[in-house]
Amino acid sequence: MKMSPLIAWLASFLILAALTPAQAKDELRVVYPSKVESSKGKEREKLFSKWMTGQDAVVLNEQMYKKGQQLVYFEYNGATNQWRTLHSSKIQLKGRYSWRAFIDEKEMEVELNNEVKLGRQPAFIVRDNGAYATMFVSPEDLDTVRSELKTLGVSEPKLKK
């Protein structure tokens, strides 16, 4: 029995569709990372800490928190494995938050979905120099943090399911 090209194509398509792993319907993906306005770069530069190791950044965040300064933004340089942080006395988070950097996009999106399942939302997801910097906050803090980020020239990321 000879198959027409259309039936052969349809059969191939159905076999490939059945073999392709499906992405969960509720999983989020980053369509556009947060944009960081270059026009506000000098303003941000004045507020950043010096570049340091991740462990030193954690210690600095604890010290700054005790002084009433909340982490609102950070940058990660994957090439040097160095971090620098930006704190603000204008906000105090009420809920839990987390901040991490990733080299791999898929790993970052897995963490994005894990954080959302825990009830936190991305305040920013910035891609720079091949690495992703992310901060997740509770829904009750999201508007406050994003408002502060907006004054610093950092937009919210665009996500889709």
C-alpha atoms as a PDB file:
ATOM      1  CA  MET A   1       0.000   0.000   0.000  1.00  0.00           C
ATOM      2  CA  LYS A   2       1.396   3.340  -1.056  1.00  0.00           C
ATOM      3  CA  MET A   3       0.976   6.400   1.259  1.00  0.00           C
ATOM      4  CA  SER A   4       0.342   9.848  -0.070  1.00  0.00           C
ATOM      5  CA  PRO A   5       2.913  12.483   0.959  1.00  0.00           C
ATOM      6  CA  LEU A   6       0.318  14.219   3.147  1.00  0.00           C
ATOM      7  CA  ILE A   7      -0.512  11.041   5.086  1.00  0.00           C
ATOM      8  CA  ALA A   8       3.210  10.229   5.461  1.00  0.00           C
ATOM      9  CA  TRP A   9       3.871  13.753   6.779  1.00  0.00           C
ATOM     10  CA  LEU A  10       0.908  13.536   9.168  1.00  0.00           C
ATOM     11  CA  ALA A  11       2.036  10.148  10.484  1.00  0.00           C
ATOM     12  CA  SER A  12       5.594  11.465  11.000  1.00  0.00           C
ATOM     13  CA  PHE A  13       4.271  14.543  12.778  1.00  0.00           C
ATOM     14  CA  LEU A  14       2.102  12.484  15.133  1.00  0.00           C
ATOM     15  CA  ILE A  15       4.990  10.141  15.981  1.00  0.00           C
ATOM     16  CA  LEU A  16       7.325  13.075  16.695  1.00  0.00           C
ATOM     17  CA  ALA A  17       4.675  14.823  18.780  1.00  0.00           C
ATOM     18  CA  ALA A  18       4.176  11.674  20.831  1.00  0.00           C
ATOM     19  CA  LEU A  19       7.931  11.289  21.419  1.00  0.00           C
ATOM     20  CA  THR A  20       8.607  14.946  22.272  1.00  0.00           C
ATOM     21  CA  PRO A  21       8.463  15.613  26.018  1.00  0.00           C
ATOM     22  CA  ALA A  22       5.656  18.007  26.815  1.00  0.00           C
ATOM     23  CA  GLN A  23       6.348  21.079  28.892  1.00  0.00           C
ATOM     24  CA  ALA A  24       3.965  21.362  31.797  1.00  0.00           C
ATOM     25  CA  LYS A  25       1.103  23.669  30.952  1.00  0.00           C
ATOM     26  CA  ASP A  26       1.568  25.761  34.081  1.00  0.00           C
ATOM     27  CA  GLU A  27       5.336  26.266  33.782  1.00  0.00           C
ATOM     28  CA  LEU A  28       6.552  29.802  33.207  1.00  0.00           C
ATOM     29  CA  ARG A  29       9.204  30.842  30.722  1.00  0.00           C
ATOM     30  CA  VAL A  30      11.050  34.121  30.436  1.00  0.00           C
ATOM     31  CA  VAL A  31      10.067  35.870  27.230  1.00  0.00           C
ATOM     32  CA  TYR A  32      12.088  39.021  27.930  1.00  0.00           C
ATOM     33  CA  PRO A  33      14.430  39.515  30.883  1.00  0.00           C
ATOM     34  CA  SER A  34      14.238  42.781  32.789  1.00  0.00           C
ATOM     35  CA  LYS A  35      15.685  45.727  30.905  1.00  0.00           C
ATOM     36  CA  VAL A  36      18.345  47.773  32.648  1.00  0.00           C
ATOM     37  CA  GLU A  37      18.312  51.361  31.403  1.00  0.00           C
ATOM     38  CA  SER A  38      21.764  52.629  30.533  1.00  0.00           C
ATOM     39  CA  SER A  39      20.555  56.208  31.110  1.00  0.00           C
ATOM     40  CA  LYS A  40      20.375  55.512  34.856  1.00  0.00           C
ATOM     41  CA  GLY A  41      23.698  53.666  34.980  1.00  0.00           C
ATOM     42  CA  LYS A  42      25.612  56.476  36.707  1.00  0.00           C
ATOM     43  CA  GLU A  43      22.919  56.693  39.409  1.00  0.00           C
ATOM     44  CA  ARG A  44      23.085  52.924  40.026  1.00  0.00           C
ATOM     45  CA  GLU A  45      26.877  52.946  39.955  1.00  0.00           C
ATOM     46  CA  LYS A  46      26.986  55.344  42.937  1.00  0.00           C
ATOM     47  CA  LEU A  47      24.792  52.988  44.990  1.00  0.00           C
ATOM     48  CA  PHE A  48      26.516  49.668  44.291  1.00  0.00           C
ATOM     49  CA  SER A  49      28.808  47.911  46.731  1.00  0.00           C
ATOM     50  CA  LYS A  50      32.246  46.888  45.516  1.00  0.00           C
ATOM     51  CA  TRP A  51      32.624  43.592  43.606  1.00  0.00           C
ATOM     52  CA  MET A  52      33.024  40.640  45.995  1.00  0.00           C
ATOM     53  CA  THR A  53      32.599  36.899  46.372  1.00  0.00           C
ATOM     54  CA  GLY A  54      29.127  35.455  46.852  1.00  0.00           C
ATOM     55  CA  GLN A  55      29.914  34.597  50.464  1.00  0.00           C
ATOM     56  CA  ASP A  56      31.016  38.174  51.144  1.00  0.00           C
ATOM     57  CA  ALA A  57      27.827  39.451  49.486  1.00  0.00           C
ATOM     58  CA  VAL A  58      25.709  37.332  51.859  1.00  0.00           C
ATOM     59  CA  VAL A  59      27.598  38.737  54.854  1.00  0.00           C
ATOM     60  CA  LEU A  60      27.209  42.302  53.537  1.00  0.00           C
ATOM     61  CA  ASN A  61      23.455  41.808  53.052  1.00  0.00           C
ATOM     62  CA  GLU A  62      23.099  40.676  56.664  1.00  0.00           C
ATOM     63  CA  GLN A  63      25.074  43.701  57.884  1.00  0.00           C
ATOM     64  CA  MET A  64      23.083  46.099  55.720  1.00  0.00           C
ATOM     65  CA  TYR A  65      19.779  44.584  56.863  1.00  0.00           C
ATOM     66  CA  LYS A  66      20.749  45.246  60.502  1.00  0.00           C
ATOM     67  CA  LYS A  67      21.325  48.883  59.493  1.00  0.00           C
ATOM     68  CA  GLY A  68      17.858  49.138  57.903  1.00  0.00           C
ATOM     69  CA  GLN A  69      19.086  48.703  54.332  1.00  0.00           C
ATOM     70  CA  GLN A  70      17.237  46.152  52.163  1.00  0.00           C
ATOM     71  CA  LEU A  71      18.768  44.361  49.171  1.00  0.00           C
ATOM     72  CA  VAL A  72      16.842  45.465  46.072  1.00  0.00           C
ATOM     73  CA  TYR A  73      19.197  44.664  43.205  1.00  0.00           C
ATOM     74  CA  PHE A  74      22.475  42.944  42.449  1.00  0.00           C
ATOM     75  CA  GLU A  75      24.726  42.103  39.551  1.00  0.00           C
ATOM     76  CA  TYR A  76      26.711  38.946  38.973  1.00  0.00           C
ATOM     77  CA  ASN A  77      29.777  38.615  36.770  1.00  0.00           C
ATOM     78  CA  GLY A  78      29.959  34.980  35.693  1.00  0.00           C
ATOM     79  CA  ALA A  79      33.453  35.372  34.209  1.00  0.00           C
ATOM     80  CA  THR A  80      34.968  36.429  37.551  1.00  0.00           C
ATOM     81  CA  ASN A  81      32.355  34.864  39.873  1.00  0.00           C
ATOM     82  CA  GLN A  82      31.966  38.239  41.572  1.00  0.00           C
ATOM     83  CA  TRP A  83      28.847  39.943  42.908  1.00  0.00           C
ATOM     84  CA  ARG A  84      27.897  43.502  43.786  1.00  0.00           C
ATOM     85  CA  THR A  85      24.772  44.554  45.606  1.00  0.00           C
ATOM     86  CA  LEU A  86      22.526  47.563  45.830  1.00  0.00           C
ATOM     87  CA  HIS A  87      20.559  48.310  49.002  1.00  0.00           C
ATOM     88  CA  SER A  88      17.813  50.774  49.868  1.00  0.00           C
ATOM     89  CA  SER A  89      16.561  52.248  53.128  1.00  0.00           C
ATOM     90  CA  LYS A  90      13.257  53.149  51.404  1.00  0.00           C
ATOM     91  CA  ILE A  91      11.785  49.650  51.678  1.00  0.00           C
ATOM     92  CA  GLN A  92      11.655  46.786  54.153  1.00  0.00           C
ATOM     93  CA  LEU A  93      10.383  43.477  52.875  1.00  0.00           C
ATOM     94  CA  LYS A  94       7.587  41.891  54.908  1.00  0.00           C
ATOM     95  CA  GLY A  95       7.841  38.418  53.391  1.00  0.00           C
ATOM     96  CA  ARG A  96      10.565  36.001  52.457  1.00  0.00           C
ATOM     97  CA  TYR A  97      12.800  36.617  49.471  1.00  0.00           C
ATOM     98  CA  SER A  98      15.622  34.907  47.625  1.00  0.00           C
ATOM     99  CA  TRP A  99      18.309  36.007  45.216  1.00  0.00           C
ATOM    100  CA  ARG A 100      20.451  33.866  42.950  1.00  0.00           C
ATOM    101  CA  ALA A 101      22.517  33.885  39.794  1.00  0.00           C
ATOM    102  CA  PHE A 102      22.541  31.289  37.031  1.00  0.00           C
ATOM    103  CA  ILE A 103      24.696  30.599  34.013  1.00  0.00           C
ATOM    104  CA  ASP A 104      22.171  28.267  32.391  1.00  0.00           C
ATOM    105  CA  GLU A 105      18.789  29.554  31.159  1.00  0.00           C
ATOM    106  CA  LYS A 106      17.020  26.225  31.732  1.00  0.00           C
ATOM    107  CA  GLU A 107      18.301  26.057  35.310  1.00  0.00           C
ATOM    108  CA  MET A 108      17.065  29.615  35.889  1.00  0.00           C
ATOM    109  CA  GLU A 109      13.616  28.751  34.529  1.00  0.00           C
ATOM    110  CA  VAL A 110      13.415  25.657  36.743  1.00  0.00           C
ATOM    111  CA  GLU A 111      14.182  27.879  39.742  1.00  0.00           C
ATOM    112  CA  LEU A 112      11.642  30.460  38.519  1.00  0.00           C
ATOM    113  CA  ASN A 113       8.938  27.793  38.590  1.00  0.00           C
ATOM    114  CA  ASN A 114      10.089  26.475  41.980  1.00  0.00           C
ATOM    115  CA  GLU A 115       9.941  29.980  43.459  1.00  0.00           C
ATOM    116  CA  VAL A 116       6.471  30.597  42.014  1.00  0.00           C
ATOM    117  CA  LYS A 117       5.300  27.318  43.571  1.00  0.00           C
ATOM    118  CA  LEU A 118       6.640  28.622  46.907  1.00  0.00           C
ATOM    119  CA  GLY A 119       4.527  31.771  46.443  1.00  0.00           C
ATOM    120  CA  ARG A 120       7.271  34.202  45.438  1.00  0.00           C
ATOM    121  CA  GLN A 121       7.368  36.328  42.278  1.00  0.00           C
ATOM    122  CA  PRO A 122      10.358  37.596  40.262  1.00  0.00           C
ATOM    123  CA  ALA A 123      11.156  41.208  41.090  1.00  0.00           C
ATOM    124  CA  PHE A 124      13.743  41.149  38.296  1.00  0.00           C
ATOM    125  CA  ILE A 125      15.487  38.678  36.027  1.00  0.00           C
ATOM    126  CA  VAL A 126      18.473  40.320  34.371  1.00  0.00           C
ATOM    127  CA  ARG A 127      20.685  38.696  31.763  1.00  0.00           C
ATOM    128  CA  ASP A 128      24.154  40.190  31.506  1.00  0.00           C
ATOM    129  CA  ASN A 129      27.487  38.769  30.359  1.00  0.00           C
ATOM    130  CA  GLY A 130      25.974  35.308  29.845  1.00  0.00           C
ATOM    131  CA  ALA A 131      24.567  35.034  33.371  1.00  0.00           C
ATOM    132  CA  TYR A 132      21.143  35.592  34.911  1.00  0.00           C
ATOM    133  CA  ALA A 133      20.642  37.536  38.148  1.00  0.00           C
ATOM    134  CA  THR A 134      17.274  36.980  39.838  1.00  0.00           C
ATOM    135  CA  MET A 135      15.448  38.162  42.929  1.00  0.00           C
ATOM    136  CA  PHE A 136      12.156  36.669  44.073  1.00  0.00           C
ATOM    137  CA  VAL A 137       9.883  38.346  46.620  1.00  0.00           C
ATOM    138  CA  SER A 138       6.542  37.650  48.250  1.00  0.00           C
ATOM    139  CA  PRO A 139       3.455  39.014  46.439  1.00  0.00           C
ATOM    140  CA  GLU A 140       2.890  41.537  49.246  1.00  0.00           C
ATOM    141  CA  ASP A 141       6.331  43.071  48.542  1.00  0.00           C
ATOM    142  CA  LEU A 142       6.312  42.871  44.752  1.00  0.00           C
ATOM    143  CA  ASP A 143       4.850  46.306  43.956  1.00  0.00           C
ATOM    144  CA  THR A 144       7.100  48.073  46.470  1.00  0.00           C
ATOM    145  CA  VAL A 145      10.261  46.408  45.166  1.00  0.00           C
ATOM    146  CA  ARG A 146       9.357  46.929  41.521  1.00  0.00           C
ATOM    147  CA  SER A 147       8.610  50.591  42.215  1.00  0.00           C
ATOM    148  CA  GLU A 148      12.085  50.998  43.715  1.00  0.00           C
ATOM    149  CA  LEU A 149      13.628  49.098  40.800  1.00  0.00           C
ATOM    150  CA  LYS A 150      11.807  51.354  38.343  1.00  0.00           C
ATOM    151  CA  THR A 151      13.482  54.422  39.870  1.00  0.00           C
ATOM    152  CA  LEU A 152      16.805  52.612  39.335  1.00  0.00           C
ATOM    153  CA  GLY A 153      15.970  51.882  35.697  1.00  0.00           C
ATOM    154  CA  VAL A 154      15.250  48.150  36.030  1.00  0.00           C
ATOM    155  CA  SER A 155      12.030  46.889  34.448  1.00  0.00           C
ATOM    156  CA  GLU A 156      10.012  43.818  35.341  1.00  0.00           C
ATOM    157  CA  PRO A 157      10.593  40.647  33.306  1.00  0.00           C
ATOM    158  CA  LYS A 158       8.033  39.440  30.783  1.00  0.00           C
ATOM    159  CA  LEU A 159       6.916  35.860  31.431  1.00  0.00           C
ATOM    160  CA  LYS A 160       4.547  33.463  29.727  1.00  0.00           C
ATOM    161  CA  LYS A 161       3.169  29.980  30.353  1.00  0.00           C
END
